[in-house]
């Protein structure tokens, strides 16, 4: 299995439900990630460093990991306990998906965010040049709606959630997020997601 899943809190009913949902999502993406060593870490708390870097509305991240990756944003227990093993001598993953605890509090939010980040892993795996160009564009602070890999990840996340929960439950979740956004960017993001047709290629 190219994808390893770690869910917090471990050994609890909440963790078990999150694990079950995450596995349903992962099985949809695994055929496209053959040969990748990917760690999906669903936390039970938020990572303040990522929130400060990526914005308060950030729900999760996908990052490629190599021997030159700066670990400043990765919690030490994940970096040294899971990505690097054997006293830090051996790296066992080449990609990390991290979801914040608040992201995992709602089952639709968990599925949409995990699908979004898994789609980024697929994009990175299938077309590194396109991924790199889009990542550079992203660093120019251009709106995410104008970045193809971000639009694609939002479409795929909405489609996956609708396949698992149905369109009405997903629409209700999106409406709740629009009604109580973290900030103006978050409200705009969810309004954009609501406008997307999940069958758009």
N, C-alpha and C. Protein backbone atom coordinates (compact mmCIF):
# COMPACT_ATOMS: atom_id res chain seq x y z
N UNK A 1 0.85 -1.19 0.00
CA UNK A 1 0.00 0.00 0.00
C UNK A 1 0.89 1.24 0.00
N UNK A 2 0.75 2.11 -1.04
CA UNK A 2 1.62 3.29 -1.11
C UNK A 2 1.25 4.38 -0.11
N UNK A 3 0.06 4.30 0.48
CA UNK A 3 -0.40 5.34 1.39
C UNK A 3 -0.50 4.77 2.80
N UNK A 4 0.16 5.44 3.74
CA UNK A 4 0.09 5.07 5.15
C UNK A 4 -0.78 6.11 5.85
N UNK A 5 -1.73 5.64 6.64
CA UNK A 5 -2.67 6.52 7.32
C UNK A 5 -2.45 6.48 8.82
N UNK A 6 -2.28 7.65 9.41
CA UNK A 6 -2.22 7.78 10.87
C UNK A 6 -3.33 8.75 11.28
N UNK A 7 -4.17 8.31 12.20
CA UNK A 7 -5.32 9.10 12.62
C UNK A 7 -5.25 9.36 14.12
N UNK A 8 -5.39 10.62 14.50
CA UNK A 8 -5.50 10.99 15.91
C UNK A 8 -6.93 11.43 16.17
N UNK A 9 -7.51 11.14 17.30
CA UNK A 9 -6.94 10.38 18.40
C UNK A 9 -6.97 8.88 18.11
N UNK A 10 -5.91 8.22 18.47
CA UNK A 10 -5.82 6.78 18.28
C UNK A 10 -6.66 6.07 19.34
N UNK A 11 -7.08 4.85 19.06
CA UNK A 11 -7.77 4.01 20.03
C UNK A 11 -8.97 4.71 20.65
N UNK A 12 -9.78 5.37 19.82
CA UNK A 12 -11.00 6.00 20.30
C UNK A 12 -12.08 5.83 19.24
N UNK A 13 -13.32 6.00 19.64
CA UNK A 13 -14.42 5.88 18.69
C UNK A 13 -14.33 6.96 17.62
N UNK A 14 -13.94 8.17 18.02
CA UNK A 14 -13.80 9.27 17.04
C UNK A 14 -12.71 8.93 16.03
N UNK A 15 -11.57 8.46 16.54
CA UNK A 15 -10.48 8.08 15.65
C UNK A 15 -10.87 6.97 14.70
N UNK A 16 -11.63 6.01 15.19
CA UNK A 16 -12.06 4.88 14.36
C UNK A 16 -12.98 5.36 13.23
N UNK A 17 -13.89 6.28 13.53
CA UNK A 17 -14.78 6.82 12.50
C UNK A 17 -14.00 7.60 11.46
N UNK A 18 -13.04 8.39 11.93
CA UNK A 18 -12.20 9.16 10.99
C UNK A 18 -11.39 8.23 10.11
N UNK A 19 -10.85 7.18 10.69
CA UNK A 19 -10.06 6.21 9.93
C UNK A 19 -10.92 5.55 8.84
N UNK A 20 -12.13 5.15 9.21
CA UNK A 20 -13.02 4.49 8.25
C UNK A 20 -13.32 5.40 7.06
N UNK A 21 -13.63 6.67 7.34
CA UNK A 21 -13.90 7.61 6.26
C UNK A 21 -12.67 7.86 5.41
N UNK A 22 -11.53 8.05 6.07
CA UNK A 22 -10.29 8.31 5.33
C UNK A 22 -9.93 7.15 4.42
N UNK A 23 -10.11 5.94 4.88
CA UNK A 23 -9.80 4.77 4.05
C UNK A 23 -10.71 4.70 2.83
N UNK A 24 -11.97 5.12 2.98
CA UNK A 24 -12.89 5.14 1.84
C UNK A 24 -12.40 6.13 0.78
N UNK A 25 -11.85 7.25 1.24
CA UNK A 25 -11.32 8.25 0.31
C UNK A 25 -10.03 7.74 -0.33
N UNK A 26 -9.13 7.22 0.49
CA UNK A 26 -7.82 6.79 0.01
C UNK A 26 -7.95 5.72 -1.07
N UNK A 27 -8.87 4.79 -0.90
CA UNK A 27 -8.99 3.70 -1.89
C UNK A 27 -9.35 4.23 -3.28
N UNK A 28 -9.94 5.40 -3.36
CA UNK A 28 -10.27 6.00 -4.65
C UNK A 28 -9.05 6.58 -5.35
N UNK A 29 -8.03 6.93 -4.58
CA UNK A 29 -6.85 7.60 -5.13
C UNK A 29 -5.64 6.67 -5.27
N UNK A 30 -5.61 5.59 -4.52
CA UNK A 30 -4.43 4.72 -4.50
C UNK A 30 -3.98 4.25 -5.88
N UNK A 31 -4.90 3.86 -6.79
CA UNK A 31 -4.43 3.39 -8.10
C UNK A 31 -3.61 4.44 -8.86
N UNK A 32 -3.82 5.72 -8.55
CA UNK A 32 -3.08 6.78 -9.24
C UNK A 32 -1.77 7.13 -8.53
N UNK A 33 -1.52 6.50 -7.40
CA UNK A 33 -0.34 6.85 -6.60
C UNK A 33 0.59 5.66 -6.41
N UNK A 34 0.54 4.72 -7.31
CA UNK A 34 1.42 3.56 -7.24
C UNK A 34 2.87 4.02 -7.33
N UNK A 35 3.69 3.50 -6.45
CA UNK A 35 5.10 3.87 -6.43
C UNK A 35 5.42 5.04 -5.52
N UNK A 36 4.40 5.72 -5.02
CA UNK A 36 4.62 6.82 -4.08
C UNK A 36 4.62 6.29 -2.66
N UNK A 37 5.39 6.91 -1.80
CA UNK A 37 5.38 6.59 -0.37
C UNK A 37 4.80 7.81 0.33
N UNK A 38 3.51 7.74 0.60
CA UNK A 38 2.77 8.90 1.07
C UNK A 38 2.23 8.65 2.47
N UNK A 39 2.45 9.61 3.36
CA UNK A 39 1.92 9.56 4.72
C UNK A 39 0.75 10.53 4.81
N UNK A 40 -0.41 10.03 5.22
CA UNK A 40 -1.57 10.88 5.51
C UNK A 40 -1.71 10.93 7.02
N UNK A 41 -1.59 12.13 7.57
CA UNK A 41 -1.65 12.31 9.02
C UNK A 41 -2.86 13.19 9.35
N UNK A 42 -3.86 12.60 9.98
CA UNK A 42 -5.04 13.32 10.41
C UNK A 42 -4.88 13.63 11.89
N UNK A 43 -4.65 14.89 12.20
CA UNK A 43 -4.33 15.29 13.56
C UNK A 43 -5.60 15.52 14.38
N UNK A 44 -5.44 15.56 15.70
CA UNK A 44 -6.56 15.90 16.58
C UNK A 44 -6.39 17.31 17.15
N UNK A 45 -5.41 18.04 16.62
CA UNK A 45 -5.21 19.44 16.98
C UNK A 45 -4.76 20.18 15.73
N UNK A 46 -4.76 21.51 15.80
CA UNK A 46 -4.33 22.30 14.66
C UNK A 46 -2.84 22.62 14.76
N UNK A 47 -2.20 22.72 13.61
CA UNK A 47 -0.79 23.08 13.55
C UNK A 47 -0.69 24.59 13.37
N UNK A 48 -0.32 25.29 14.44
CA UNK A 48 -0.28 26.76 14.41
C UNK A 48 0.75 27.28 13.41
N UNK A 49 1.83 26.56 13.20
CA UNK A 49 2.86 27.01 12.25
C UNK A 49 2.29 27.03 10.84
N UNK A 50 1.57 25.99 10.47
CA UNK A 50 0.95 25.96 9.13
C UNK A 50 -0.11 27.04 9.02
N UNK A 51 -0.91 27.21 10.05
CA UNK A 51 -1.96 28.23 10.02
C UNK A 51 -1.36 29.63 9.87
N UNK A 52 -0.24 29.89 10.53
CA UNK A 52 0.41 31.19 10.40
C UNK A 52 0.98 31.39 9.00
N UNK A 53 1.49 30.31 8.41
CA UNK A 53 2.11 30.39 7.09
C UNK A 53 1.08 30.43 5.97
N UNK A 54 0.07 29.56 6.06
CA UNK A 54 -0.88 29.37 4.96
C UNK A 54 -2.19 30.12 5.15
N UNK A 55 -2.41 30.66 6.34
CA UNK A 55 -3.65 31.40 6.60
C UNK A 55 -4.54 30.65 7.58
N UNK A 56 -5.34 31.42 8.31
CA UNK A 56 -6.18 30.83 9.36
C UNK A 56 -7.22 29.86 8.80
N UNK A 57 -7.60 30.04 7.53
CA UNK A 57 -8.62 29.16 6.96
C UNK A 57 -8.05 27.87 6.39
N UNK A 58 -6.73 27.70 6.47
CA UNK A 58 -6.11 26.49 5.92
C UNK A 58 -6.66 25.24 6.60
N UNK A 59 -7.01 24.24 5.79
CA UNK A 59 -7.59 23.00 6.31
C UNK A 59 -6.60 21.84 6.28
N UNK A 60 -5.57 21.97 5.46
CA UNK A 60 -4.57 20.91 5.35
C UNK A 60 -3.58 21.23 4.26
N UNK A 61 -2.55 20.40 4.15
CA UNK A 61 -1.52 20.61 3.14
C UNK A 61 -1.04 19.28 2.57
N UNK A 62 -0.57 19.35 1.33
CA UNK A 62 0.21 18.27 0.74
C UNK A 62 1.58 18.84 0.46
N UNK A 63 2.61 18.12 0.84
CA UNK A 63 3.98 18.54 0.55
C UNK A 63 4.79 17.33 0.10
N UNK A 64 5.55 17.53 -0.97
CA UNK A 64 6.53 16.53 -1.36
C UNK A 64 7.69 16.59 -0.36
N UNK A 65 8.26 15.44 -0.05
CA UNK A 65 9.36 15.37 0.92
C UNK A 65 10.56 14.73 0.23
N UNK A 66 11.71 15.40 0.30
CA UNK A 66 12.95 14.77 -0.13
C UNK A 66 14.03 15.09 0.91
N UNK A 67 15.24 14.69 0.65
CA UNK A 67 16.30 14.86 1.64
C UNK A 67 16.71 16.31 1.84
N UNK A 68 16.15 17.23 1.04
CA UNK A 68 16.46 18.65 1.18
C UNK A 68 15.28 19.45 1.74
N UNK A 69 14.20 18.77 2.06
CA UNK A 69 13.00 19.46 2.56
C UNK A 69 13.26 20.05 3.94
N UNK A 70 12.86 21.30 4.09
CA UNK A 70 12.95 21.96 5.39
C UNK A 70 11.76 21.51 6.23
N UNK A 71 12.02 21.07 7.43
CA UNK A 71 10.96 20.50 8.25
C UNK A 71 10.31 21.49 9.20
N UNK A 72 10.52 22.80 9.00
CA UNK A 72 10.03 23.79 9.95
C UNK A 72 8.54 23.70 10.22
N UNK A 73 7.76 23.28 9.21
CA UNK A 73 6.30 23.28 9.35
C UNK A 73 5.75 21.95 9.84
N UNK A 74 6.58 20.92 9.89
CA UNK A 74 6.11 19.58 10.27
C UNK A 74 6.34 19.37 11.77
N UNK A 75 5.30 18.98 12.52
CA UNK A 75 5.52 18.67 13.94
C UNK A 75 6.64 17.65 14.11
N UNK A 76 7.48 17.86 15.11
CA UNK A 76 8.66 17.00 15.30
C UNK A 76 8.29 15.54 15.46
N UNK A 77 7.17 15.25 16.13
CA UNK A 77 6.80 13.85 16.32
C UNK A 77 6.48 13.16 15.00
N UNK A 78 5.97 13.93 14.03
CA UNK A 78 5.71 13.35 12.70
C UNK A 78 7.02 13.21 11.93
N UNK A 79 7.83 14.27 11.94
CA UNK A 79 9.08 14.28 11.18
C UNK A 79 10.02 13.17 11.64
N UNK A 80 10.30 13.14 12.95
CA UNK A 80 11.29 12.20 13.47
C UNK A 80 10.67 10.86 13.86
N UNK A 81 9.37 10.80 14.03
CA UNK A 81 8.77 9.54 14.42
C UNK A 81 8.20 8.73 13.28
N UNK A 82 7.93 9.41 12.13
CA UNK A 82 7.27 8.72 11.04
C UNK A 82 7.96 8.90 9.68
N UNK A 83 8.37 10.13 9.37
CA UNK A 83 9.00 10.37 8.07
C UNK A 83 10.44 9.88 8.07
N UNK A 84 11.17 10.22 9.13
CA UNK A 84 12.53 9.71 9.31
C UNK A 84 12.54 8.72 10.46
N UNK A 85 13.15 7.57 10.22
CA UNK A 85 13.23 6.52 11.24
C UNK A 85 14.70 6.11 11.41
N UNK A 86 14.92 5.12 12.25
CA UNK A 86 16.30 4.66 12.54
C UNK A 86 17.17 5.82 13.01
N UNK A 87 16.67 6.51 14.04
CA UNK A 87 17.38 7.67 14.62
C UNK A 87 17.64 8.76 13.58
N UNK A 88 16.69 8.91 12.66
CA UNK A 88 16.80 9.98 11.67
C UNK A 88 17.67 9.66 10.48
N UNK A 89 18.15 8.41 10.37
CA UNK A 89 19.05 8.04 9.28
C UNK A 89 18.33 7.66 7.99
N UNK A 90 17.06 7.32 8.08
CA UNK A 90 16.37 6.78 6.90
C UNK A 90 15.02 7.46 6.72
N UNK A 91 14.79 8.02 5.52
CA UNK A 91 13.51 8.63 5.18
C UNK A 91 12.63 7.58 4.53
N UNK A 92 11.41 7.41 5.04
CA UNK A 92 10.55 6.34 4.54
C UNK A 92 9.33 6.86 3.77
N UNK A 93 9.18 8.18 3.66
CA UNK A 93 8.08 8.76 2.88
C UNK A 93 8.61 9.84 1.97
N UNK A 94 7.96 10.00 0.81
CA UNK A 94 8.34 11.08 -0.09
C UNK A 94 7.20 12.08 -0.29
N UNK A 95 6.20 11.97 0.55
CA UNK A 95 5.11 12.94 0.52
C UNK A 95 4.32 12.89 1.82
N UNK A 96 3.79 14.04 2.22
CA UNK A 96 3.00 14.13 3.45
C UNK A 96 1.73 14.91 3.19
N UNK A 97 0.62 14.33 3.61
CA UNK A 97 -0.64 15.06 3.68
C UNK A 97 -0.95 15.24 5.16
N UNK A 98 -1.18 16.49 5.54
CA UNK A 98 -1.48 16.80 6.93
C UNK A 98 -2.83 17.51 6.97
N UNK A 99 -3.76 16.99 7.79
CA UNK A 99 -5.04 17.67 8.03
C UNK A 99 -5.10 18.11 9.48
N UNK A 100 -5.54 19.35 9.69
CA UNK A 100 -5.70 19.88 11.04
C UNK A 100 -6.83 19.17 11.78
N UNK A 101 -6.78 19.21 13.10
CA UNK A 101 -7.83 18.60 13.91
C UNK A 101 -9.20 19.18 13.64
N UNK A 102 -9.30 20.51 13.50
CA UNK A 102 -10.60 21.12 13.24
C UNK A 102 -11.15 20.71 11.87
N UNK A 103 -10.28 20.42 10.94
CA UNK A 103 -10.70 19.93 9.62
C UNK A 103 -11.41 18.59 9.76
N UNK A 104 -10.92 17.77 10.67
CA UNK A 104 -11.44 16.41 10.82
C UNK A 104 -12.69 16.34 11.70
N UNK A 105 -13.07 17.48 12.30
CA UNK A 105 -14.23 17.48 13.20
C UNK A 105 -15.54 17.18 12.48
N UNK A 106 -15.62 17.54 11.22
CA UNK A 106 -16.83 17.30 10.42
C UNK A 106 -16.49 16.27 9.35
N UNK A 107 -17.33 15.26 9.20
CA UNK A 107 -17.02 14.17 8.28
C UNK A 107 -16.96 14.63 6.83
N UNK A 108 -17.83 15.56 6.44
CA UNK A 108 -17.77 16.06 5.06
C UNK A 108 -16.49 16.88 4.86
N UNK A 109 -16.14 17.69 5.85
CA UNK A 109 -14.92 18.47 5.77
C UNK A 109 -13.69 17.59 5.67
N UNK A 110 -13.68 16.51 6.44
CA UNK A 110 -12.56 15.57 6.39
C UNK A 110 -12.43 14.98 4.98
N UNK A 111 -13.54 14.51 4.43
CA UNK A 111 -13.51 13.87 3.10
C UNK A 111 -13.10 14.87 2.03
N UNK A 112 -13.67 16.07 2.07
CA UNK A 112 -13.33 17.06 1.04
C UNK A 112 -11.87 17.47 1.13
N UNK A 113 -11.39 17.71 2.34
CA UNK A 113 -10.00 18.17 2.49
C UNK A 113 -9.00 17.07 2.15
N UNK A 114 -9.27 15.85 2.60
CA UNK A 114 -8.37 14.75 2.27
C UNK A 114 -8.36 14.50 0.77
N UNK A 115 -9.52 14.54 0.13
CA UNK A 115 -9.59 14.36 -1.32
C UNK A 115 -8.81 15.46 -2.04
N UNK A 116 -8.95 16.69 -1.57
CA UNK A 116 -8.25 17.83 -2.16
C UNK A 116 -6.74 17.60 -2.13
N UNK A 117 -6.23 17.22 -0.95
CA UNK A 117 -4.78 17.04 -0.83
C UNK A 117 -4.30 15.80 -1.57
N UNK A 118 -5.08 14.74 -1.59
CA UNK A 118 -4.72 13.55 -2.37
C UNK A 118 -4.67 13.88 -3.86
N UNK A 119 -5.57 14.74 -4.33
CA UNK A 119 -5.53 15.14 -5.73
C UNK A 119 -4.25 15.91 -6.03
N UNK A 120 -3.79 16.73 -5.07
CA UNK A 120 -2.50 17.41 -5.26
C UNK A 120 -1.38 16.38 -5.36
N UNK A 121 -1.43 15.33 -4.56
CA UNK A 121 -0.41 14.28 -4.66
C UNK A 121 -0.45 13.61 -6.03
N UNK A 122 -1.65 13.38 -6.55
CA UNK A 122 -1.80 12.79 -7.89
C UNK A 122 -1.21 13.73 -8.94
N UNK A 123 -1.55 15.01 -8.84
CA UNK A 123 -1.02 16.00 -9.79
C UNK A 123 0.51 16.00 -9.77
N UNK A 124 1.07 15.99 -8.58
CA UNK A 124 2.53 16.00 -8.42
C UNK A 124 3.16 14.74 -9.01
N UNK A 125 2.47 13.62 -8.85
CA UNK A 125 2.97 12.34 -9.34
C UNK A 125 2.91 12.25 -10.86
N UNK A 126 1.82 12.75 -11.45
CA UNK A 126 1.59 12.53 -12.88
C UNK A 126 2.23 13.58 -13.77
N UNK A 127 2.41 14.81 -13.27
CA UNK A 127 2.97 15.85 -14.12
C UNK A 127 3.73 16.86 -13.25
N UNK A 128 4.98 16.54 -12.97
CA UNK A 128 5.78 17.39 -12.07
C UNK A 128 6.02 18.78 -12.65
N UNK A 129 6.15 18.88 -13.95
CA UNK A 129 6.39 20.19 -14.56
C UNK A 129 5.19 21.10 -14.35
N UNK A 130 4.00 20.59 -14.65
CA UNK A 130 2.78 21.36 -14.44
C UNK A 130 2.63 21.73 -12.97
N UNK A 131 2.92 20.77 -12.09
CA UNK A 131 2.83 21.01 -10.65
C UNK A 131 3.77 22.16 -10.25
N UNK A 132 5.00 22.12 -10.74
CA UNK A 132 5.98 23.14 -10.38
C UNK A 132 5.55 24.51 -10.87
N UNK A 133 5.08 24.61 -12.12
CA UNK A 133 4.64 25.89 -12.66
C UNK A 133 3.48 26.44 -11.84
N UNK A 134 2.51 25.60 -11.53
CA UNK A 134 1.35 26.05 -10.75
C UNK A 134 1.76 26.46 -9.34
N UNK A 135 2.72 25.76 -8.75
CA UNK A 135 3.20 26.11 -7.41
C UNK A 135 3.87 27.47 -7.43
N UNK A 136 4.65 27.75 -8.48
CA UNK A 136 5.30 29.05 -8.61
C UNK A 136 4.27 30.16 -8.78
N UNK A 137 3.24 29.88 -9.58
CA UNK A 137 2.16 30.85 -9.76
C UNK A 137 1.49 31.13 -8.43
N UNK A 138 1.29 30.07 -7.65
CA UNK A 138 0.66 30.20 -6.34
C UNK A 138 1.45 31.14 -5.43
N UNK A 139 2.77 31.12 -5.55
CA UNK A 139 3.61 31.96 -4.70
C UNK A 139 3.52 33.44 -5.08
N UNK A 140 2.91 33.76 -6.21
CA UNK A 140 2.76 35.15 -6.64
C UNK A 140 1.49 35.79 -6.07
N UNK A 141 0.80 35.05 -5.21
CA UNK A 141 -0.43 35.53 -4.57
C UNK A 141 -1.55 35.82 -5.57
N UNK A 142 -1.57 35.06 -6.64
CA UNK A 142 -2.68 35.12 -7.58
C UNK A 142 -3.83 34.31 -6.96
N UNK A 143 -5.05 34.73 -7.23
CA UNK A 143 -6.20 34.05 -6.64
C UNK A 143 -6.23 32.58 -7.02
N UNK A 144 -6.56 31.72 -6.04
CA UNK A 144 -6.54 30.27 -6.27
C UNK A 144 -7.50 29.86 -7.38
N UNK A 145 -8.55 30.63 -7.62
CA UNK A 145 -9.51 30.28 -8.67
C UNK A 145 -8.87 30.37 -10.06
N UNK A 146 -7.71 31.04 -10.15
CA UNK A 146 -7.01 31.17 -11.43
C UNK A 146 -5.86 30.17 -11.57
N UNK A 147 -5.71 29.28 -10.59
CA UNK A 147 -4.61 28.31 -10.61
C UNK A 147 -5.19 26.93 -10.94
N UNK A 148 -4.86 26.36 -12.09
CA UNK A 148 -5.50 25.11 -12.52
C UNK A 148 -5.43 23.97 -11.51
N UNK A 149 -4.30 23.76 -10.83
CA UNK A 149 -4.24 22.62 -9.90
C UNK A 149 -5.15 22.84 -8.70
N UNK A 150 -5.41 24.09 -8.33
CA UNK A 150 -6.31 24.37 -7.21
C UNK A 150 -7.77 24.17 -7.62
N UNK A 151 -8.11 24.60 -8.82
CA UNK A 151 -9.47 24.39 -9.33
C UNK A 151 -9.74 22.88 -9.44
N UNK A 152 -8.79 22.17 -10.01
CA UNK A 152 -8.92 20.73 -10.18
C UNK A 152 -9.12 20.04 -8.82
N UNK A 153 -8.32 20.41 -7.83
CA UNK A 153 -8.42 19.77 -6.51
C UNK A 153 -9.77 20.06 -5.87
N UNK A 154 -10.31 21.26 -6.08
CA UNK A 154 -11.62 21.58 -5.52
C UNK A 154 -12.73 20.79 -6.21
N UNK A 155 -12.64 20.64 -7.52
CA UNK A 155 -13.64 19.85 -8.24
C UNK A 155 -13.62 18.41 -7.77
N UNK A 156 -12.43 17.83 -7.68
CA UNK A 156 -12.29 16.42 -7.28
C UNK A 156 -12.77 16.23 -5.84
N UNK A 157 -12.46 17.17 -4.96
CA UNK A 157 -12.89 17.02 -3.57
C UNK A 157 -14.40 17.07 -3.44
N UNK A 158 -15.03 17.95 -4.19
CA UNK A 158 -16.50 18.04 -4.15
C UNK A 158 -17.13 16.78 -4.74
N UNK A 159 -16.57 16.31 -5.85
CA UNK A 159 -17.08 15.09 -6.48
C UNK A 159 -16.98 13.89 -5.54
N UNK A 160 -15.83 13.74 -4.89
CA UNK A 160 -15.63 12.61 -3.99
C UNK A 160 -16.61 12.66 -2.82
N UNK A 161 -16.76 13.85 -2.23
CA UNK A 161 -17.69 13.99 -1.10
C UNK A 161 -19.12 13.69 -1.52
N UNK A 162 -19.51 14.13 -2.71
CA UNK A 162 -20.88 13.85 -3.18
C UNK A 162 -21.08 12.37 -3.45
N UNK A 163 -20.05 11.68 -3.91
CA UNK A 163 -20.16 10.24 -4.13
C UNK A 163 -20.33 9.49 -2.81
N UNK A 164 -19.72 9.99 -1.75
CA UNK A 164 -19.81 9.32 -0.46
C UNK A 164 -21.05 9.73 0.32
N UNK A 165 -21.39 11.03 0.33
CA UNK A 165 -22.47 11.52 1.18
C UNK A 165 -23.74 11.94 0.44
N UNK A 166 -23.63 12.17 -0.86
CA UNK A 166 -24.77 12.71 -1.61
C UNK A 166 -24.65 14.23 -1.70
N UNK A 167 -25.24 14.79 -2.75
CA UNK A 167 -25.08 16.21 -3.03
C UNK A 167 -25.75 17.10 -1.98
N UNK A 168 -26.86 16.66 -1.39
CA UNK A 168 -27.57 17.50 -0.42
C UNK A 168 -26.74 17.71 0.85
N UNK A 169 -26.13 16.66 1.34
CA UNK A 169 -25.32 16.78 2.56
C UNK A 169 -24.09 17.64 2.30
N UNK A 170 -23.48 17.50 1.14
CA UNK A 170 -22.31 18.32 0.79
C UNK A 170 -22.72 19.78 0.64
N UNK A 171 -23.85 20.03 -0.02
CA UNK A 171 -24.33 21.41 -0.18
C UNK A 171 -24.61 22.05 1.18
N UNK A 172 -25.19 21.28 2.09
CA UNK A 172 -25.48 21.81 3.43
C UNK A 172 -24.19 22.15 4.16
N UNK A 173 -23.17 21.32 4.02
CA UNK A 173 -21.87 21.59 4.65
C UNK A 173 -21.26 22.87 4.08
N UNK A 174 -21.28 23.01 2.75
CA UNK A 174 -20.72 24.19 2.12
C UNK A 174 -21.47 25.44 2.56
N UNK A 175 -22.80 25.35 2.65
CA UNK A 175 -23.58 26.50 3.11
C UNK A 175 -23.23 26.89 4.54
N UNK A 176 -22.97 25.90 5.40
CA UNK A 176 -22.56 26.20 6.78
C UNK A 176 -21.22 26.92 6.79
N UNK A 177 -20.31 26.49 5.92
CA UNK A 177 -18.99 27.14 5.87
C UNK A 177 -19.10 28.57 5.35
N UNK A 178 -19.98 28.80 4.40
CA UNK A 178 -20.18 30.16 3.87
C UNK A 178 -20.81 31.05 4.94
N UNK A 179 -21.72 30.48 5.72
CA UNK A 179 -22.42 31.26 6.75
C UNK A 179 -21.51 31.61 7.93
N UNK A 180 -20.50 30.81 8.18
CA UNK A 180 -19.59 31.05 9.31
C UNK A 180 -18.14 30.91 8.86
N UNK A 181 -17.68 31.81 7.99
CA UNK A 181 -16.31 31.68 7.46
C UNK A 181 -15.27 32.10 8.48
N UNK A 182 -14.07 31.59 8.29
CA UNK A 182 -12.94 32.00 9.13
C UNK A 182 -12.55 33.44 8.82
N UNK A 183 -12.60 33.80 7.54
CA UNK A 183 -12.29 35.16 7.10
C UNK A 183 -12.92 35.37 5.72
N UNK A 184 -12.72 36.53 5.12
CA UNK A 184 -13.34 36.83 3.83
C UNK A 184 -12.86 35.89 2.73
N UNK A 185 -11.56 35.53 2.77
CA UNK A 185 -11.03 34.60 1.76
C UNK A 185 -11.71 33.24 1.86
N UNK A 186 -11.96 32.81 3.10
CA UNK A 186 -12.62 31.52 3.31
C UNK A 186 -14.04 31.55 2.73
N UNK A 187 -14.76 32.64 2.97
CA UNK A 187 -16.12 32.76 2.43
C UNK A 187 -16.10 32.71 0.91
N UNK A 188 -15.16 33.43 0.31
CA UNK A 188 -15.05 33.44 -1.15
C UNK A 188 -14.69 32.07 -1.69
N UNK A 189 -13.80 31.37 -0.99
CA UNK A 189 -13.39 30.03 -1.41
C UNK A 189 -14.60 29.09 -1.43
N UNK A 190 -15.37 29.09 -0.33
CA UNK A 190 -16.52 28.18 -0.26
C UNK A 190 -17.61 28.55 -1.25
N UNK A 191 -17.79 29.85 -1.50
CA UNK A 191 -18.77 30.26 -2.52
C UNK A 191 -18.32 29.76 -3.90
N UNK A 192 -17.02 29.81 -4.14
CA UNK A 192 -16.49 29.30 -5.41
C UNK A 192 -16.70 27.79 -5.51
N UNK A 193 -16.42 27.06 -4.43
CA UNK A 193 -16.62 25.60 -4.43
C UNK A 193 -18.09 25.28 -4.69
N UNK A 194 -18.99 26.04 -4.08
CA UNK A 194 -20.42 25.81 -4.28
C UNK A 194 -20.79 25.97 -5.76
N UNK A 195 -20.11 26.87 -6.47
CA UNK A 195 -20.44 27.13 -7.88
C UNK A 195 -19.90 26.06 -8.82
N UNK A 196 -18.98 25.25 -8.34
CA UNK A 196 -18.33 24.26 -9.22
C UNK A 196 -19.24 23.06 -9.46
N UNK A 197 -19.31 22.65 -10.71
CA UNK A 197 -20.00 21.41 -11.03
C UNK A 197 -19.05 20.25 -10.81
N UNK A 198 -19.41 19.28 -9.99
CA UNK A 198 -18.47 18.19 -9.67
C UNK A 198 -18.13 17.29 -10.85
N UNK A 199 -18.89 17.36 -11.95
CA UNK A 199 -18.59 16.52 -13.10
C UNK A 199 -17.70 17.20 -14.12
N UNK A 200 -17.31 18.45 -13.83
CA UNK A 200 -16.40 19.15 -14.74
C UNK A 200 -15.06 18.40 -14.76
N UNK A 201 -14.50 18.15 -15.94
CA UNK A 201 -13.22 17.42 -15.97
C UNK A 201 -12.07 18.26 -15.43
